[in-house]
C-alpha cells in the first residue's frame, strides 16, 4: 500500500527523471512556449517532443540548451564588430558597402561614410549583402531610413492577442531618397539582411541582383527554465509590405546571376559584372 501511494505521488517526477528532465524544467518550458511561441501548440504534444529532444518537429529553431552549450554573443564568441564591413568609392562615384553582419553600430558607420563624402557626387549606392546572415533588426531599419522617405517597413507578428510591432523609417542626418540603389543578394542572405532587400524591392527603391535569399523571416528568443537549462524557440514572424512573408520563401532578385552572364558579363567578380551590366543597360534606379 505504501509503495502504491509513493508511486502515485511521485510518478510525475519519476517519469521526468526517466527522460533526464526535472518537472520544474518541463513546467517552465511549457509556460514560455505556451505564452510566447508564435503558434498554438498542444501541451501533451509539447511535453512529449521535449522529453524526446525533438522540439524541432514543432519549430525547426527550437531547442533545449544546456547552460554549457549556451553561446553568448557578448562573451563566448569573438566580437563581430566590423567583421566583413567594407567601403569603397570609385572614380565613377559609386559607393560600395559590403555588410557581412548587421551588428550594433553598422548603420551609424554606413551613415558616417556617406557624411564624410557628402560633397562628392555619389552616382549609385551598392549594398553587398551576399553571405550576410542578418543581425539586429534595428540596424536594418536604420540603414533603410538613410534612403527612404518615412513609411511602413515591416512588422513582427507574435501570438494571437499580442499587438504586432511595426517598424517605420525615421529621419537621419544623411538622407538621400533619390540616388539609385543596387543590392547584391545570394542564398546565404538571411533574416535582417533579407528585410533590407525586401523593403527596397517592394517599394521599387532599388534593384536586387544575384540569387533568391535564404528565407528566414522568424525571430527566436531564449528563456532560462532551470539552473542548467535554457529553451530557445520562435517568438515572432516578420511580415513585409502587402503582407509579404519572407519565411521559407526568400526574396527573389530582379536580375539573376545567370541573366547577367547570358548578357555577356562573366567576369569572376559578380560585382564588376553587375556594374558593367547596369552601365550598358543605362539602368536609372
Protein backbone atom coordinates (compact mmCIF):
# COMPACT_ATOMS: atom_id res chain seq x y z
CA UNK A 1 0.00 0.00 0.00
CA UNK A 2 2.83 2.37 0.91
CA UNK A 3 4.54 1.59 -2.38
CA UNK A 4 1.34 2.38 -4.28
CA UNK A 5 0.96 5.77 -2.54
CA UNK A 6 4.64 6.57 -3.21
CA UNK A 7 4.27 5.81 -6.90
CA UNK A 8 1.04 7.78 -7.11
CA UNK A 9 2.60 10.86 -5.54
CA UNK A 10 5.95 10.76 -7.25
CA UNK A 11 5.21 9.18 -10.65
CA UNK A 12 5.37 12.55 -12.47
CA UNK A 13 8.86 13.08 -11.04
CA UNK A 14 9.94 9.56 -11.92
CA UNK A 15 8.57 9.93 -15.43
CA UNK A 16 10.51 13.15 -15.96
CA UNK A 17 13.64 11.74 -14.38
CA UNK A 18 13.45 8.84 -16.82
CA UNK A 19 13.90 11.39 -19.61
CA UNK A 20 16.59 13.32 -17.75
CA UNK A 21 14.43 16.40 -17.05
CA UNK A 22 13.15 17.76 -13.77
CA UNK A 23 9.41 18.53 -13.61
CA UNK A 24 10.28 22.19 -12.92
CA UNK A 25 12.17 22.38 -16.24
CA UNK A 26 9.22 20.90 -18.11
CA UNK A 27 6.79 23.22 -16.34
CA UNK A 28 8.77 26.37 -17.06
CA UNK A 29 9.48 25.30 -20.63
CA UNK A 30 5.78 24.82 -21.24
CA UNK A 31 4.97 28.17 -19.60
CA UNK A 32 7.22 30.09 -22.01
CA UNK A 33 6.24 28.02 -25.03
CA UNK A 34 2.53 28.43 -24.27
CA UNK A 35 2.78 32.19 -23.83
CA UNK A 36 5.42 33.22 -26.35
CA UNK A 37 5.59 30.65 -29.16
CA UNK A 38 4.17 32.36 -32.25
CA UNK A 39 1.78 29.48 -32.92
CA UNK A 40 -0.60 27.49 -30.76
CA UNK A 41 0.54 24.02 -29.72
CA UNK A 42 -0.93 21.18 -27.64
CA UNK A 43 0.63 20.74 -24.18
CA UNK A 44 0.83 16.95 -24.30
CA UNK A 45 2.48 17.10 -27.71
CA UNK A 46 4.96 19.70 -26.49
CA UNK A 47 5.96 17.70 -23.40
CA UNK A 48 6.41 14.58 -25.49
CA UNK A 49 8.64 16.36 -28.00
CA UNK A 50 10.60 17.99 -25.16
CA UNK A 51 11.29 14.64 -23.49
CA UNK A 52 12.28 13.05 -26.79
CA UNK A 53 14.55 16.00 -27.65
CA UNK A 54 12.52 16.55 -30.80
CA UNK A 55 11.32 20.12 -30.38
CA UNK A 56 12.44 20.73 -33.97
CA UNK A 57 9.31 18.83 -35.03
CA UNK A 58 7.28 21.80 -33.72
CA UNK A 59 9.72 24.55 -34.66
CA UNK A 60 12.94 23.88 -36.56
CA UNK A 61 14.70 26.55 -34.48
CA UNK A 62 13.51 25.24 -31.10
CA UNK A 63 15.96 23.60 -28.73
CA UNK A 64 16.50 22.85 -25.06
CA UNK A 65 20.02 24.05 -24.35
CA UNK A 66 22.37 23.09 -21.56
CA UNK A 67 23.94 26.13 -19.89
CA UNK A 68 27.38 24.98 -21.05
CA UNK A 69 26.18 25.00 -24.66
CA UNK A 70 24.60 28.43 -24.47
CA UNK A 71 26.59 30.80 -26.64
CA UNK A 72 26.65 34.41 -25.55
CA UNK A 73 27.29 36.78 -28.46
CA UNK A 74 28.81 39.23 -25.97
CA UNK A 75 31.37 36.95 -24.33
CA UNK A 76 31.63 33.40 -25.59
CA UNK A 77 32.23 34.35 -29.21
CA UNK A 78 34.83 36.76 -30.55
CA UNK A 79 33.20 40.18 -31.11
CA UNK A 80 31.84 40.58 -34.65
CA UNK A 81 32.27 44.35 -34.74
CA UNK A 82 33.47 45.44 -38.17
CA UNK A 83 33.68 41.80 -39.28
CA UNK A 84 33.49 41.84 -43.06
CA UNK A 85 32.46 45.50 -43.35
CA UNK A 86 33.99 47.25 -46.31
CA UNK A 87 33.52 50.61 -48.01
CA UNK A 88 34.87 52.00 -51.26
CA UNK A 89 34.07 54.91 -53.52
CA UNK A 90 35.23 54.52 -57.11
CA UNK A 91 36.09 57.16 -59.72
CA UNK A 92 32.55 56.99 -61.14
CA UNK A 93 31.05 58.00 -57.80
CA UNK A 94 29.75 54.51 -56.95
CA UNK A 95 29.72 53.95 -53.19
CA UNK A 96 30.05 50.27 -52.29
CA UNK A 97 29.23 48.86 -48.87
CA UNK A 98 29.80 45.20 -48.03
CA UNK A 99 27.85 44.32 -44.89
CA UNK A 100 28.71 40.85 -43.71
CA UNK A 101 26.70 41.08 -40.48
CA UNK A 102 24.39 43.74 -39.05
CA UNK A 103 26.00 44.31 -35.65
CA UNK A 104 25.24 47.25 -33.37
CA UNK A 105 26.61 50.39 -34.98
CA UNK A 106 26.60 49.13 -38.57
CA UNK A 107 24.06 51.73 -39.73
CA UNK A 108 25.96 54.55 -37.99
CA UNK A 109 29.17 53.53 -39.75
CA UNK A 110 27.38 53.46 -43.11
CA UNK A 111 25.91 56.89 -42.42
CA UNK A 112 29.33 58.15 -41.28
CA UNK A 113 30.97 57.15 -44.56
CA UNK A 114 28.20 58.84 -46.54
CA UNK A 115 28.53 62.04 -44.47
CA UNK A 116 32.31 62.00 -44.98
CA UNK A 117 31.66 62.06 -48.72
CA UNK A 118 28.69 64.41 -48.62
CA UNK A 119 30.38 66.81 -51.07
CA UNK A 120 31.15 64.03 -53.54
CA UNK A 121 28.60 63.37 -56.25
CA UNK A 122 27.57 59.78 -55.47
CA UNK A 123 26.05 58.30 -58.60
CA UNK A 124 24.97 54.95 -57.13
CA UNK A 125 24.99 53.12 -53.81
CA UNK A 126 25.69 49.39 -53.74
CA UNK A 127 24.81 47.32 -50.68
CA UNK A 128 26.52 43.94 -50.88
CA UNK A 129 24.53 41.61 -48.60
CA UNK A 130 25.82 38.35 -50.05
CA UNK A 131 26.61 35.88 -47.29
CA UNK A 132 25.09 38.16 -44.64
CA UNK A 133 23.00 36.03 -42.23
CA UNK A 134 21.33 39.10 -40.73
CA UNK A 135 21.81 40.58 -37.28
CA UNK A 136 19.98 43.31 -35.41
CA UNK A 137 16.60 44.33 -36.82
CA UNK A 138 17.07 47.93 -35.65
CA UNK A 139 20.22 48.18 -37.80
CA UNK A 140 18.20 47.12 -40.86
CA UNK A 141 15.61 49.82 -40.06
CA UNK A 142 18.30 52.49 -39.67
CA UNK A 143 20.00 51.53 -42.95
CA UNK A 144 16.69 51.68 -44.80
CA UNK A 145 15.98 55.06 -43.21
CA UNK A 146 19.04 56.55 -44.91
CA UNK A 147 17.48 56.06 -48.33
CA UNK A 148 13.71 56.01 -47.91
CA UNK A 149 11.04 58.56 -47.06
CA UNK A 150 9.12 57.88 -43.86
CA UNK A 151 6.88 54.89 -44.40
CA UNK A 152 5.95 51.47 -43.06
CA UNK A 153 8.77 48.94 -43.50
CA UNK A 154 7.61 45.68 -41.89
CA UNK A 155 6.07 44.27 -38.73
CA UNK A 156 6.83 41.45 -36.34
CA UNK A 157 3.77 39.37 -35.53
CA UNK A 158 3.64 37.44 -32.28
CA UNK A 159 0.95 35.24 -30.72
CA UNK A 160 -2.70 35.95 -31.31
CA UNK A 161 -3.78 38.71 -28.96
CA UNK A 162 -0.36 40.36 -28.80
CA UNK A 163 -0.13 43.58 -30.79
CA UNK A 164 2.36 43.32 -33.68
CA UNK A 165 5.40 45.58 -33.53
CA UNK A 166 5.54 47.83 -36.57
CA UNK A 167 8.73 49.39 -37.90
CA UNK A 168 8.89 52.67 -39.84
CA UNK A 169 11.75 54.52 -41.44
CA UNK A 170 12.88 57.57 -39.48
CA UNK A 171 14.78 60.78 -40.18
CA UNK A 172 18.60 60.55 -40.25
CA UNK A 173 21.39 63.12 -40.61
CA UNK A 174 22.14 61.65 -44.01
CA UNK A 175 19.08 61.21 -46.18
CA UNK A 176 19.01 60.59 -49.88
CA UNK A 177 15.78 59.21 -51.37
CA UNK A 178 16.90 59.61 -54.98
CA UNK A 179 20.36 58.11 -55.51
CA UNK A 180 19.98 54.72 -57.28
CA UNK A 181 20.32 51.69 -55.03
CA UNK A 182 21.74 48.32 -56.05
CA UNK A 183 21.55 45.37 -53.65
CA UNK A 184 23.54 42.15 -54.10
CA UNK A 185 21.99 39.05 -52.53
CA UNK A 186 22.53 35.30 -52.54
CA UNK A 187 21.19 32.13 -50.92
CA UNK A 188 23.08 32.93 -47.70
CA UNK A 189 21.48 36.35 -47.27
CA UNK A 190 19.10 35.91 -44.34
CA UNK A 191 16.96 37.39 -41.60
CA UNK A 192 17.50 41.15 -41.02
CA UNK A 193 19.54 41.42 -44.23
CA UNK A 194 16.57 39.98 -46.12
CA UNK A 195 14.36 42.67 -44.61
CA UNK A 196 16.53 45.34 -46.26
CA UNK A 197 16.29 43.61 -49.63
CA UNK A 198 12.54 43.03 -49.27
CA UNK A 199 11.71 46.66 -48.47
CA UNK A 200 13.83 48.10 -51.30
CA UNK A 201 12.19 45.70 -53.75
CA UNK A 202 8.59 46.17 -52.63
CA UNK A 203 8.79 49.96 -52.75
CA UNK A 204 10.76 49.98 -56.01
CA UNK A 205 13.56 51.91 -54.31
CA UNK A 206 16.33 49.71 -55.71
CA UNK A 207 17.09 46.65 -57.82
CA UNK A 208 18.22 43.29 -56.45
CA UNK A 209 20.91 41.24 -58.21
CA UNK A 210 22.01 37.68 -57.52
CA UNK A 211 20.14 34.70 -56.11
CA UNK A 212 16.97 34.12 -54.07
CA UNK A 213 17.72 34.69 -50.40
CA UNK A 214 17.69 32.10 -47.62
CA UNK A 215 14.14 32.72 -46.40
CA UNK A 216 14.40 33.22 -42.63
CA UNK A 217 11.64 35.55 -41.56
CA UNK A 218 11.20 34.46 -37.95
CA UNK A 219 12.71 35.67 -34.67
CA UNK A 220 13.95 33.49 -31.81
CA UNK A 221 14.18 34.21 -28.08
CA UNK A 222 15.93 32.32 -25.28
CA UNK A 223 14.46 31.76 -21.79
CA UNK A 224 16.05 30.23 -18.70
CA UNK A 225 13.99 27.26 -17.50
CA UNK A 226 16.29 25.83 -14.84
CA UNK A 227 19.66 26.22 -13.20
CA UNK A 228 21.37 24.49 -16.11
CA UNK A 229 18.80 24.74 -18.91
CA UNK A 230 17.54 27.31 -21.40
CA UNK A 231 14.91 26.94 -24.09
CA UNK A 232 15.09 28.71 -27.43
CA UNK A 233 12.21 28.92 -29.91
CA UNK A 234 10.48 31.19 -32.40
CA UNK A 235 8.58 34.08 -30.84
CA UNK A 236 7.71 36.27 -33.84
CA UNK A 237 7.40 36.31 -37.61
CA UNK A 238 8.42 39.22 -39.84
CA UNK A 239 5.85 40.33 -42.41
CA UNK A 240 6.55 42.97 -45.03
CA UNK A 241 4.54 45.46 -47.07
CA UNK A 242 1.38 43.99 -48.60
CA UNK A 243 1.68 41.17 -46.02
CA UNK A 244 4.61 39.59 -47.80
CA UNK A 245 6.06 36.64 -45.86
CA UNK A 246 9.79 36.01 -46.19
CA UNK A 247 9.94 32.78 -44.21
CA UNK A 248 10.60 29.68 -46.31
CA UNK A 249 10.09 31.86 -49.41
CA UNK A 250 13.00 34.26 -49.52
CA UNK A 251 13.39 37.33 -51.70
CA UNK A 252 13.91 36.76 -55.39
CA UNK A 253 16.28 39.07 -57.30
CA UNK A 254 15.16 41.37 -60.09
CA UNK A 255 18.12 40.15 -62.13
CA UNK A 256 19.77 36.76 -61.61
CA UNK A 257 23.40 35.68 -61.85
CA UNK A 258 22.54 33.62 -64.96
CA UNK A 259 20.78 36.55 -66.61
CA UNK A 260 23.81 38.78 -66.17
CA UNK A 261 26.11 36.04 -67.51
CA UNK A 262 23.90 35.39 -70.56
CA UNK A 263 24.17 39.06 -71.47
CA UNK A 264 27.93 38.58 -71.83
CA UNK A 265 29.17 39.65 -68.41
CA UNK A 266 31.06 36.68 -66.98
CA UNK A 267 34.00 38.16 -65.09
CA UNK A 268 34.99 36.33 -61.89
CA UNK A 269 33.76 39.36 -59.92
CA UNK A 270 29.96 39.41 -59.81
CA UNK A 271 30.02 42.99 -58.54
CA UNK A 272 32.04 44.05 -61.57
CA UNK A 273 29.62 42.22 -63.86
CA UNK A 274 26.61 43.92 -62.27
CA UNK A 275 28.11 47.41 -62.54
CA UNK A 276 29.07 46.82 -66.18
CA UNK A 277 25.59 45.46 -66.94
CA UNK A 278 23.93 48.48 -65.28
CA UNK A 279 26.13 50.84 -67.28
CA UNK A 280 25.33 49.15 -70.59
CA UNK A 281 21.61 48.94 -69.88
CA UNK A 282 21.62 52.53 -68.58
CA UNK A 283 19.62 51.44 -65.54
CA UNK A 284 18.50 54.58 -63.76
CA UNK A 285 17.27 53.23 -60.44
